[in-house]
C-alpha atoms as a PDB file:
ATOM      1  CA  UNK A   1     -83.658  80.368 -18.779  1.00  0.00           C
ATOM      2  CA  UNK A   2     -86.472  79.845 -20.644  1.00  0.00           C
ATOM      3  CA  UNK A   3     -87.823  82.732 -23.016  1.00  0.00           C
ATOM      4  CA  UNK A   4     -91.608  82.364 -23.757  1.00  0.00           C
ATOM      5  CA  UNK A   5     -92.072  82.151 -27.217  1.00  0.00           C
ATOM      6  CA  UNK A   6     -94.445  84.747 -29.140  1.00  0.00           C
ATOM      7  CA  UNK A   7     -96.904  84.120 -31.095  1.00  0.00           C
ATOM      8  CA  UNK A   8     -96.306  84.767 -35.218  1.00  0.00           C
ATOM      9  CA  UNK A   9     -99.202  85.834 -36.492  1.00  0.00           C
ATOM     10  CA  UNK A  10    -100.576  84.295 -40.131  1.00  0.00           C
ATOM     11  CA  UNK A  11    -100.016  87.199 -42.768  1.00  0.00           C
ATOM     12  CA  UNK A  12    -102.848  87.298 -44.366  1.00  0.00           C
ATOM     13  CA  UNK A  13    -104.442  90.138 -47.213  1.00  0.00           C
ATOM     14  CA  UNK A  14    -107.919  90.741 -46.274  1.00  0.00           C
ATOM     15  CA  UNK A  15    -110.058  90.875 -49.103  1.00  0.00           C
ATOM     16  CA  UNK A  16    -113.196  92.230 -48.887  1.00  0.00           C
ATOM     17  CA  UNK A  17    -112.401  95.789 -49.178  1.00  0.00           C
ATOM     18  CA  UNK A  18    -110.571  94.755 -52.462  1.00  0.00           C
ATOM     19  CA  UNK A  19    -114.068  92.507 -53.687  1.00  0.00           C
ATOM     20  CA  UNK A  20    -115.954  96.064 -52.521  1.00  0.00           C
ATOM     21  CA  UNK A  21    -114.093  97.846 -54.942  1.00  0.00           C
ATOM     22  CA  UNK A  22    -114.345  95.414 -57.960  1.00  0.00           C
ATOM     23  CA  UNK A  23    -118.314  95.529 -57.160  1.00  0.00           C
ATOM     24  CA  UNK A  24    -118.189  99.152 -56.857  1.00  0.00           C
ATOM     25  CA  UNK A  25    -116.598  99.500 -60.361  1.00  0.00           C
ATOM     26  CA  UNK A  26    -118.542  96.786 -61.620  1.00  0.00           C
ATOM     27  CA  UNK A  27    -121.605  98.899 -61.375  1.00  0.00           C
ATOM     28  CA  UNK A  28    -119.781 101.863 -62.514  1.00  0.00           C
ATOM     29  CA  UNK A  29    -118.975 100.958 -65.941  1.00  0.00           C
ATOM     30  CA  UNK A  30    -122.708  99.184 -65.865  1.00  0.00           C
ATOM     31  CA  UNK A  31    -125.342 102.168 -64.543  1.00  0.00           C
ATOM     32  CA  UNK A  32    -123.174 104.648 -67.031  1.00  0.00           C
ATOM     33  CA  UNK A  33    -122.652 102.428 -69.832  1.00  0.00           C
ATOM     34  CA  UNK A  34    -126.093 102.712 -72.571  1.00  0.00           C
ATOM     35  CA  UNK A  35    -127.125  99.304 -73.945  1.00  0.00           C
ATOM     36  CA  UNK A  36    -128.793  99.607 -77.292  1.00  0.00           C
ATOM     37  CA  UNK A  37    -130.684  96.977 -77.911  1.00  0.00           C
ATOM     38  CA  UNK A  38    -131.747  96.919 -81.986  1.00  0.00           C
ATOM     39  CA  UNK A  39    -134.508  95.372 -82.731  1.00  0.00           C
ATOM     40  CA  UNK A  40    -135.178  94.241 -86.211  1.00  0.00           C
ATOM     41  CA  UNK A  41    -138.687  93.650 -87.453  1.00  0.00           C
ATOM     42  CA  UNK A  42    -139.252  91.193 -90.004  1.00  0.00           C
ATOM     43  CA  UNK A  43    -142.784  92.573 -92.413  1.00  0.00           C
ATOM     44  CA  UNK A  44    -143.986  90.657 -95.413  1.00  0.00           C
ATOM     45  CA  UNK A  45    -145.957  93.406 -97.779  1.00  0.00           C
ATOM     46  CA  UNK A  46    -148.938  92.819 -99.427  1.00  0.00           C
ATOM     47  CA  UNK A  47    -148.593  92.153-103.028  1.00  0.00           C
ATOM     48  CA  UNK A  48    -151.183  93.101-105.522  1.00  0.00           C
ATOM     49  CA  UNK A  49    -152.362  93.302-109.265  1.00  0.00           C
ATOM     50  CA  UNK A  50    -153.875  95.626-111.442  1.00  0.00           C
ATOM     51  CA  UNK A  51    -153.484  99.715-112.343  1.00  0.00           C
ATOM     52  CA  UNK A  52    -152.184 102.071-110.591  1.00  0.00           C
ATOM     53  CA  UNK A  53    -154.741 104.458-108.628  1.00  0.00           C
ATOM     54  CA  UNK A  54    -155.051 107.906-110.318  1.00  0.00           C
ATOM     55  CA  UNK A  55    -152.982 110.173-107.854  1.00  0.00           C
ATOM     56  CA  UNK A  56    -155.352 113.632-107.088  1.00  0.00           C
ATOM     57  CA  UNK A  57    -154.188 116.529-109.570  1.00  0.00           C
ATOM     58  CA  UNK A  58    -155.978 118.617-106.879  1.00  0.00           C
ATOM     59  CA  UNK A  59    -153.072 120.274-104.696  1.00  0.00           C
ATOM     60  CA  UNK A  60    -152.111 123.662-103.079  1.00  0.00           C
ATOM     61  CA  UNK A  61    -149.058 123.937-104.070  1.00  0.00           C
ATOM     62  CA  UNK A  62    -146.944 126.925-102.549  1.00  0.00           C
ATOM     63  CA  UNK A  63    -143.482 127.941-104.095  1.00  0.00           C
ATOM     64  CA  UNK A  64    -141.335 130.279-102.044  1.00  0.00           C
ATOM     65  CA  UNK A  65    -138.405 131.954-103.918  1.00  0.00           C
ATOM     66  CA  UNK A  66    -135.123 132.650-102.145  1.00  0.00           C
ATOM     67  CA  UNK A  67    -136.511 136.470-101.218  1.00  0.00           C
ATOM     68  CA  UNK A  68    -139.174 134.584 -99.629  1.00  0.00           C
ATOM     69  CA  UNK A  69    -142.124 135.559-102.314  1.00  0.00           C
ATOM     70  CA  UNK A  70    -144.981 133.189-102.385  1.00  0.00           C
ATOM     71  CA  UNK A  71    -146.347 131.565-105.465  1.00  0.00           C
ATOM     72  CA  UNK A  72    -149.723 129.918-104.723  1.00  0.00           C
ATOM     73  CA  UNK A  73    -150.465 127.156-108.046  1.00  0.00           C
ATOM     74  CA  UNK A  74    -148.264 129.348-110.332  1.00  0.00           C
ATOM     75  CA  UNK A  75    -149.941 132.434-109.285  1.00  0.00           C
ATOM     76  CA  UNK A  76    -147.812 135.229-107.532  1.00  0.00           C
ATOM     77  CA  UNK A  77    -148.978 137.082-104.458  1.00  0.00           C
ATOM     78  CA  UNK A  78    -148.308 140.349-104.133  1.00  0.00           C
ATOM     79  CA  UNK A  79    -146.592 140.402-101.315  1.00  0.00           C
ATOM     80  CA  UNK A  80    -145.185 137.609 -98.472  1.00  0.00           C
ATOM     81  CA  UNK A  81    -147.451 138.317 -95.259  1.00  0.00           C
ATOM     82  CA  UNK A  82    -148.946 135.250 -93.777  1.00  0.00           C
ATOM     83  CA  UNK A  83    -152.177 137.037 -94.254  1.00  0.00           C
ATOM     84  CA  UNK A  84    -152.606 137.128 -98.138  1.00  0.00           C
ATOM     85  CA  UNK A  85    -151.116 133.899 -98.462  1.00  0.00           C
ATOM     86  CA  UNK A  86    -154.228 132.350 -95.759  1.00  0.00           C
ATOM     87  CA  UNK A  87    -156.622 134.524 -98.113  1.00  0.00           C
ATOM     88  CA  UNK A  88    -154.969 132.453-101.280  1.00  0.00           C
ATOM     89  CA  UNK A  89    -154.919 129.087 -99.859  1.00  0.00           C
ATOM     90  CA  UNK A  90    -159.146 129.781 -98.746  1.00  0.00           C
ATOM     91  CA  UNK A  91    -159.980 131.030-102.018  1.00  0.00           C
ATOM     92  CA  UNK A  92    -158.009 128.233-103.768  1.00  0.00           C
ATOM     93  CA  UNK A  93    -159.188 125.526-101.977  1.00  0.00           C
ATOM     94  CA  UNK A  94    -163.164 126.613-100.940  1.00  0.00           C
ATOM     95  CA  UNK A  95    -162.621 125.455 -97.752  1.00  0.00           C
ATOM     96  CA  UNK A  96    -161.853 121.671 -98.383  1.00  0.00           C
ATOM     97  CA  UNK A  97    -158.464 120.530 -96.471  1.00  0.00           C
ATOM     98  CA  UNK A  98    -158.332 117.598 -97.188  1.00  0.00           C
ATOM     99  CA  UNK A  99    -156.349 118.714-100.701  1.00  0.00           C
ATOM    100  CA  UNK A 100    -152.549 117.779-100.187  1.00  0.00           C
ATOM    101  CA  UNK A 101    -150.860 120.894 -99.282  1.00  0.00           C
ATOM    102  CA  UNK A 102    -147.281 121.082-101.028  1.00  0.00           C
ATOM    103  CA  UNK A 103    -144.613 123.671 -99.876  1.00  0.00           C
ATOM    104  CA  UNK A 104    -141.505 123.860-102.571  1.00  0.00           C
ATOM    105  CA  UNK A 105    -139.025 126.196-100.658  1.00  0.00           C
ATOM    106  CA  UNK A 106    -135.538 127.747-102.708  1.00  0.00           C
ATOM    107  CA  UNK A 107    -132.426 126.215-100.843  1.00  0.00           C
ATOM    108  CA  UNK A 108    -131.691 129.813 -99.635  1.00  0.00           C
ATOM    109  CA  UNK A 109    -135.360 130.763 -98.786  1.00  0.00           C
ATOM    110  CA  UNK A 110    -135.292 132.027 -95.209  1.00  0.00           C
ATOM    111  CA  UNK A 111    -136.658 129.574 -92.623  1.00  0.00           C
ATOM    112  CA  UNK A 112    -139.990 131.867 -91.844  1.00  0.00           C
ATOM    113  CA  UNK A 113    -141.059 131.839 -94.764  1.00  0.00           C
ATOM    114  CA  UNK A 114    -141.619 127.985 -94.907  1.00  0.00           C
ATOM    115  CA  UNK A 115    -142.871 127.923 -91.106  1.00  0.00           C
ATOM    116  CA  UNK A 116    -145.222 130.574 -92.529  1.00  0.00           C
ATOM    117  CA  UNK A 117    -146.165 128.924 -95.053  1.00  0.00           C
ATOM    118  CA  UNK A 118    -146.613 125.521 -92.580  1.00  0.00           C
ATOM    119  CA  UNK A 119    -148.712 127.280 -89.662  1.00  0.00           C
ATOM    120  CA  UNK A 120    -150.789 128.191 -92.428  1.00  0.00           C
ATOM    121  CA  UNK A 121    -151.723 125.096 -93.584  1.00  0.00           C
ATOM    122  CA  UNK A 122    -152.075 123.914 -90.081  1.00  0.00           C
ATOM    123  CA  UNK A 123    -154.323 127.216 -89.186  1.00  0.00           C
ATOM    124  CA  UNK A 124    -156.295 126.183 -91.953  1.00  0.00           C
ATOM    125  CA  UNK A 125    -156.610 122.673 -91.075  1.00  0.00           C
ATOM    126  CA  UNK A 126    -154.605 120.525 -94.112  1.00  0.00           C
ATOM    127  CA  UNK A 127    -153.918 117.134 -92.620  1.00  0.00           C
ATOM    128  CA  UNK A 128    -151.611 116.447 -95.467  1.00  0.00           C
ATOM    129  CA  UNK A 129    -148.538 118.516 -95.631  1.00  0.00           C
ATOM    130  CA  UNK A 130    -145.323 117.736 -97.746  1.00  0.00           C
ATOM    131  CA  UNK A 131    -142.123 119.662 -98.210  1.00  0.00           C
ATOM    132  CA  UNK A 132    -140.279 118.586-101.578  1.00  0.00           C
ATOM    133  CA  UNK A 133    -136.935 118.100-101.903  1.00  0.00           C
ATOM    134  CA  UNK A 134    -134.595 117.407-104.700  1.00  0.00           C
ATOM    135  CA  UNK A 135    -132.856 114.571-104.731  1.00  0.00           C
ATOM    136  CA  UNK A 136    -128.721 113.746-104.276  1.00  0.00           C
ATOM    137  CA  UNK A 137    -126.879 112.877-107.518  1.00  0.00           C
ATOM    138  CA  UNK A 138    -124.629 110.222-107.013  1.00  0.00           C
ATOM    139  CA  UNK A 139    -121.383 110.462-108.553  1.00  0.00           C
END
């Protein structure tokens, strides 16, 4: 008796789904990673010789204490309202908005008073606005 032999199929692993998963993981990591490109710009600053320029001594300096009391160029204002501050700045500047406008506030001053002084400077057209800070002492 002659039996027919069954054909043996070759055992093979289909790699297509595995490659698809690897590519999907690669795409996922590429998209979710943030790339930072640090650009370094080399700048050669010009040098100059001569005397230093005389700085403007005329400026509007608004000092704010921790209670919100305004002092404009060493003159204490009667209240902390925006109208009073605006009138004082207009009077001292003589409509010259080219003067530097410096805001100095106590560290415990409420944010409202500092923003009010900056808002008045912006409404009057001052372009040179500065906020003074104190440098930390290194130990």
